[in-house]
N, C-alpha and C. Protein backbone atom coordinates (compact mmCIF):
# COMPACT_ATOMS: atom_id res chain seq x y z
N MET A 1 -1.65 -1.83 -14.08
CA MET A 1 -3.00 -3.00 -14.01
C MET A 1 -3.87 -3.31 -14.50
N ALA A 2 -4.21 -4.15 -15.05
CA ALA A 2 -5.29 -4.24 -16.13
C ALA A 2 -6.50 -3.78 -15.25
N LEU A 3 -7.25 -3.21 -15.97
CA LEU A 3 -8.73 -2.17 -15.43
C LEU A 3 -9.11 -3.58 -14.48
N PHE A 4 -9.35 -4.60 -15.07
CA PHE A 4 -10.87 -5.62 -14.56
C PHE A 4 -9.32 -5.65 -12.38
N GLY A 5 -8.03 -5.92 -13.13
CA GLY A 5 -7.61 -6.02 -11.13
C GLY A 5 -7.72 -5.30 -10.82
N HIS A 6 -7.67 -3.81 -11.55
CA HIS A 6 -7.65 -2.76 -10.48
C HIS A 6 -9.30 -2.48 -9.61
N LEU A 7 -10.14 -2.31 -10.48
CA LEU A 7 -11.80 -2.60 -10.46
C LEU A 7 -11.86 -3.96 -8.91
N ILE A 8 -10.60 -5.20 -8.83
CA ILE A 8 -11.34 -6.13 -7.60
C ILE A 8 -10.40 -5.34 -6.50
N PHE A 9 -9.37 -4.71 -6.96
CA PHE A 9 -8.38 -4.14 -5.25
C PHE A 9 -9.76 -2.99 -5.25
N LEU A 10 -9.89 -2.26 -6.01
CA LEU A 10 -10.58 -1.11 -5.57
C LEU A 10 -12.50 -1.75 -4.94
N THR A 11 -12.77 -2.89 -5.11
CA THR A 11 -13.91 -3.01 -4.24
C THR A 11 -13.49 -3.82 -2.62
N LEU A 12 -12.17 -4.14 -2.97
CA LEU A 12 -11.55 -4.65 -1.72
C LEU A 12 -11.11 -3.67 -0.94
N LEU A 13 -10.82 -2.42 -1.50
CA LEU A 13 -10.27 -1.00 -0.60
C LEU A 13 -11.81 -0.94 -0.10
N THR A 14 -12.65 -0.78 -0.90
CA THR A 14 -13.65 0.25 -0.47
C THR A 14 -14.59 -0.60 0.61
N CYS A 15 -14.31 -1.93 0.68
CA CYS A 15 -15.04 -2.91 1.73
C CYS A 15 -14.29 -2.77 3.42
N GLU A 16 -12.77 -2.39 3.09
CA GLU A 16 -12.04 -2.47 4.23
C GLU A 16 -11.53 -1.36 4.55
N LEU A 17 -11.54 -0.42 4.04
CA LEU A 17 -10.84 1.75 4.19
C LEU A 17 -12.07 2.18 4.44
N SER A 18 -12.23 2.23 5.97
CA SER A 18 -13.95 2.98 6.56
C SER A 18 -13.77 4.24 6.42
N THR A 19 -12.58 5.33 6.19
CA THR A 19 -12.74 6.55 6.07
C THR A 19 -11.80 7.42 4.95
N SER A 20 -11.53 6.56 3.94
CA SER A 20 -10.64 6.74 2.76
C SER A 20 -11.88 7.56 1.79
N THR A 21 -11.14 8.87 0.64
CA THR A 21 -12.29 8.73 -0.12
C THR A 21 -11.53 8.11 -1.29
N ASP A 22 -12.79 7.79 -2.22
CA ASP A 22 -12.42 6.91 -3.74
C ASP A 22 -10.39 6.92 -4.19
N ARG A 23 -10.91 8.86 -4.11
CA ARG A 23 -9.63 9.21 -4.90
C ARG A 23 -7.99 8.51 -3.85
N SER A 24 -8.26 8.47 -2.14
CA SER A 24 -7.12 8.28 -2.05
C SER A 24 -7.19 6.26 -1.68
N ARG A 25 -8.58 5.97 -2.10
CA ARG A 25 -8.52 4.37 -1.95
C ARG A 25 -7.43 4.06 -3.81
N SER A 26 -7.93 5.13 -4.41
CA SER A 26 -7.18 4.71 -6.12
C SER A 26 -5.95 4.61 -5.75
N ARG A 27 -5.33 5.55 -4.67
CA ARG A 27 -3.73 6.19 -4.88
C ARG A 27 -3.49 4.91 -4.18
N CYS A 28 -4.02 4.34 -3.19
CA CYS A 28 -3.59 3.27 -2.45
C CYS A 28 -3.65 2.25 -3.25
N ILE A 29 -4.42 1.76 -3.75
CA ILE A 29 -4.03 0.82 -4.99
C ILE A 29 -2.97 1.06 -6.23
N ASP A 30 -2.82 2.02 -6.39
CA ASP A 30 -1.55 2.40 -7.29
C ASP A 30 -0.34 2.24 -6.40
N HIS A 31 -0.47 2.55 -5.40
CA HIS A 31 0.93 2.32 -4.54
C HIS A 31 1.32 1.04 -4.26
N PHE A 32 0.46 0.18 -3.82
CA PHE A 32 0.76 -1.28 -3.73
C PHE A 32 0.91 -2.13 -5.17
N THR A 33 0.64 -1.39 -6.19
CA THR A 33 0.50 -2.43 -7.38
C THR A 33 2.28 -1.54 -7.68
N GLU A 34 2.49 -0.76 -7.76
CA GLU A 34 4.05 0.10 -7.45
C GLU A 34 5.11 -1.09 -6.97
N ILE A 35 4.68 -1.31 -5.85
CA ILE A 35 5.09 -1.95 -4.83
C ILE A 35 5.07 -3.38 -5.44
N ARG A 36 4.36 -4.07 -6.09
CA ARG A 36 4.41 -5.61 -6.45
C ARG A 36 5.00 -5.35 -7.77
N ALA A 37 5.19 -4.15 -8.27
CA ALA A 37 6.30 -4.30 -9.22
C ALA A 37 7.80 -4.05 -9.53
N LYS A 38 8.34 -3.64 -8.23
CA LYS A 38 9.32 -3.51 -7.86
C LYS A 38 10.40 -5.56 -8.27
N LYS A 39 11.14 -4.72 -8.12
CA LYS A 39 11.87 -6.22 -8.33
C LYS A 39 12.52 -6.79 -6.60
N LEU A 40 11.31 -7.66 -5.97
CA LEU A 40 11.63 -7.45 -4.63
C LEU A 40 11.80 -9.55 -4.67
N ARG A 41 12.52 -10.14 -3.49
CA ARG A 41 12.48 -11.25 -3.65
C ARG A 41 11.22 -12.34 -3.97
N LYS A 42 10.18 -11.79 -2.58
CA LYS A 42 9.22 -12.36 -2.89
C LYS A 42 7.74 -10.74 -2.85
N ARG A 43 7.03 -11.27 -3.48
CA ARG A 43 6.03 -9.63 -3.83
C ARG A 43 4.95 -10.09 -2.69
N PRO A 44 4.26 -9.08 -2.22
CA PRO A 44 3.13 -8.73 -1.00
C PRO A 44 2.00 -9.63 -1.95
N ALA A 45 1.01 -10.49 -1.30
CA ALA A 45 -0.16 -10.75 -1.94
C ALA A 45 -1.37 -10.20 -1.36
N THR A 46 -2.58 -10.46 -1.81
CA THR A 46 -3.86 -10.13 -1.30
C THR A 46 -3.83 -10.11 0.10
N ALA A 47 -3.02 -10.99 0.78
CA ALA A 47 -3.21 -11.40 2.22
C ALA A 47 -2.47 -10.10 3.26
N GLU A 48 -1.50 -9.67 2.50
CA GLU A 48 -0.66 -8.93 2.81
C GLU A 48 -1.20 -7.24 2.49
N LEU A 49 -2.30 -7.25 1.51
CA LEU A 49 -2.98 -6.26 1.03
C LEU A 49 -4.10 -6.06 1.96
N LEU A 50 -4.32 -7.05 2.46
CA LEU A 50 -5.53 -6.71 3.26
C LEU A 50 -5.15 -5.88 4.59
N THR A 51 -3.90 -6.70 5.22
CA THR A 51 -3.53 -6.43 6.74
C THR A 51 -3.22 -5.46 6.17
N TRP A 52 -2.61 -4.42 5.23
CA TRP A 52 -1.89 -3.47 5.20
C TRP A 52 -2.99 -2.38 5.08
N ILE A 53 -3.84 -2.28 4.50
CA ILE A 53 -4.85 -1.30 4.19
C ILE A 53 -5.51 -1.26 5.62
N HIS A 54 -5.88 -2.16 6.00
CA HIS A 54 -6.14 -1.90 7.72
C HIS A 54 -5.27 -0.92 8.59
N ILE A 55 -3.60 -1.27 8.23
CA ILE A 55 -2.71 -0.33 9.16
C ILE A 55 -3.14 1.10 8.25
N PHE A 56 -2.99 0.98 7.45
CA PHE A 56 -2.83 2.32 6.50
C PHE A 56 -3.72 3.21 6.57
N ASP A 57 -5.41 2.93 6.89
CA ASP A 57 -6.27 3.52 7.29
C ASP A 57 -6.31 4.23 8.77
N LYS A 58 -5.59 2.58 9.83
CA LYS A 58 -5.31 3.47 11.28
C LYS A 58 -4.90 4.49 11.52
N LEU A 59 -3.55 4.49 10.78
CA LEU A 59 -2.43 5.42 10.75
C LEU A 59 -2.19 6.60 9.95
N GLU A 60 -3.92 6.59 9.39
CA GLU A 60 -4.36 7.56 8.04
C GLU A 60 -3.22 8.28 7.39
N VAL A 61 -2.90 7.37 6.51
CA VAL A 61 -1.82 7.98 5.59
C VAL A 61 -2.90 8.55 4.50
N ASN A 62 -2.06 9.74 3.80
CA ASN A 62 -2.31 9.93 3.29
C ASN A 62 -1.66 10.20 2.10
N LEU A 63 -1.64 9.76 0.56
CA LEU A 63 -0.22 9.67 0.07
C LEU A 63 -1.01 10.99 -1.07
N GLU A 64 -2.24 11.61 -0.80
CA GLU A 64 -2.35 12.32 -1.44
C GLU A 64 -1.41 13.74 -1.12
N VAL A 65 -1.46 13.87 -0.17
CA VAL A 65 -0.45 14.92 0.66
C VAL A 65 1.06 14.29 0.78
N PRO A 66 1.73 13.84 0.23
CA PRO A 66 3.07 13.40 0.61
C PRO A 66 3.85 14.21 2.12
N THR A 67 3.42 14.56 2.73
CA THR A 67 4.72 15.37 3.79
C THR A 67 5.41 14.49 4.31
N PRO A 68 6.57 14.74 5.22
CA PRO A 68 7.87 14.22 5.25
C PRO A 68 7.10 13.48 6.61
N GLU A 69 5.70 13.46 7.41
CA GLU A 69 5.53 12.79 8.39
C GLU A 69 4.46 11.68 7.66
N GLN A 70 4.00 12.21 6.61
CA GLN A 70 3.03 11.01 5.72
C GLN A 70 3.78 10.12 5.36
N LEU A 71 5.22 10.55 5.03
CA LEU A 71 6.09 9.40 3.82
C LEU A 71 6.53 7.76 5.30
N GLN A 72 7.07 9.46 6.53
CA GLN A 72 7.04 8.82 7.55
C GLN A 72 6.20 7.15 7.63
N LYS A 73 5.13 7.96 8.14
CA LYS A 73 3.76 7.05 8.80
C LYS A 73 3.91 5.45 7.20
N LEU A 74 3.88 6.07 5.83
CA LEU A 74 4.06 4.98 4.99
C LEU A 74 5.00 3.98 5.07
N ALA A 75 6.14 4.43 5.39
CA ALA A 75 7.75 3.87 5.38
C ALA A 75 7.10 2.85 6.88
N SER A 76 6.59 3.42 7.43
CA SER A 76 6.32 2.25 8.53
C SER A 76 5.25 1.25 8.87
N THR A 77 4.89 1.26 7.51
CA THR A 77 3.90 0.16 7.17
C THR A 77 4.40 -0.71 6.12
N TYR A 78 5.52 -0.53 5.53
CA TYR A 78 5.78 -1.47 4.52
C TYR A 78 6.50 -2.70 5.26
N SER A 79 6.85 -2.96 6.76
CA SER A 79 7.05 -3.82 7.38
C SER A 79 6.05 -5.07 7.15
N ILE A 80 4.61 -4.63 7.04
CA ILE A 80 3.56 -5.76 6.32
C ILE A 80 3.59 -6.46 5.32
N LEU A 81 4.28 -5.41 4.32
CA LEU A 81 4.15 -5.93 3.12
C LEU A 81 5.62 -6.61 2.70
N ALA A 82 6.52 -6.54 3.42
CA ALA A 82 8.01 -7.11 3.10
C ALA A 82 8.04 -8.61 3.70
N LYS A 83 8.48 -9.41 2.79
CA LYS A 83 8.35 -10.59 3.49
C LYS A 83 9.83 -11.44 4.12
N ASN A 84 10.81 -10.13 3.92
CA ASN A 84 12.06 -10.42 4.28
C ASN A 84 12.73 -9.11 4.27
N PRO A 85 14.19 -9.09 5.13
CA PRO A 85 14.64 -8.04 5.54
C PRO A 85 15.25 -7.32 4.18
N GLU A 86 15.76 -7.98 3.15
CA GLU A 86 16.39 -7.17 2.27
C GLU A 86 15.14 -6.40 1.27
N ASP A 87 14.01 -7.02 1.43
CA ASP A 87 12.70 -6.42 0.58
C ASP A 87 12.46 -5.16 1.48
N LEU A 88 12.34 -5.18 2.55
CA LEU A 88 11.76 -4.04 3.78
C LEU A 88 12.74 -2.41 2.98
N LYS A 89 14.29 -3.23 3.19
CA LYS A 89 15.25 -2.34 2.86
C LYS A 89 14.72 -1.44 2.01
N ARG A 90 15.05 -2.51 0.53
CA ARG A 90 14.33 -2.11 -0.59
C ARG A 90 12.98 -0.77 -1.14
N LEU A 91 12.23 -1.39 0.05
CA LEU A 91 10.80 -0.51 -0.37
C LEU A 91 11.08 0.63 0.43
N ARG A 92 12.10 0.86 1.68
CA ARG A 92 12.15 1.72 2.54
C ARG A 92 12.99 2.88 1.89
N GLU A 93 14.12 2.69 1.07
CA GLU A 93 15.18 2.85 0.27
C GLU A 93 14.72 3.84 -0.98
N ASN A 94 12.95 3.31 -1.71
CA ASN A 94 12.88 3.75 -2.66
C ASN A 94 11.14 4.60 -2.75
N LEU A 95 11.51 5.17 -1.32
CA LEU A 95 9.96 5.60 -1.18
C LEU A 95 10.27 7.14 -1.42
């Protein structure tokens, strides 16, 4: 992602995520960018990002420590980003 786009997402996340560290926020942006780069029928947009990060924060998903429990939490958040069942399946398969 371009630096400018990354900074916009980081600014959004800083405002939205209450408990996450800068590194965790950055990893969240990276993961969202990876998801948007996948060949999905409909890619998630900013509205889904904002909803996703609230849930991400509430579930205390930690991408820095990808334990099976954390990956399960992460997979449960994909229903917010996927706009149809095929995309949800694709996201969960590529976790």
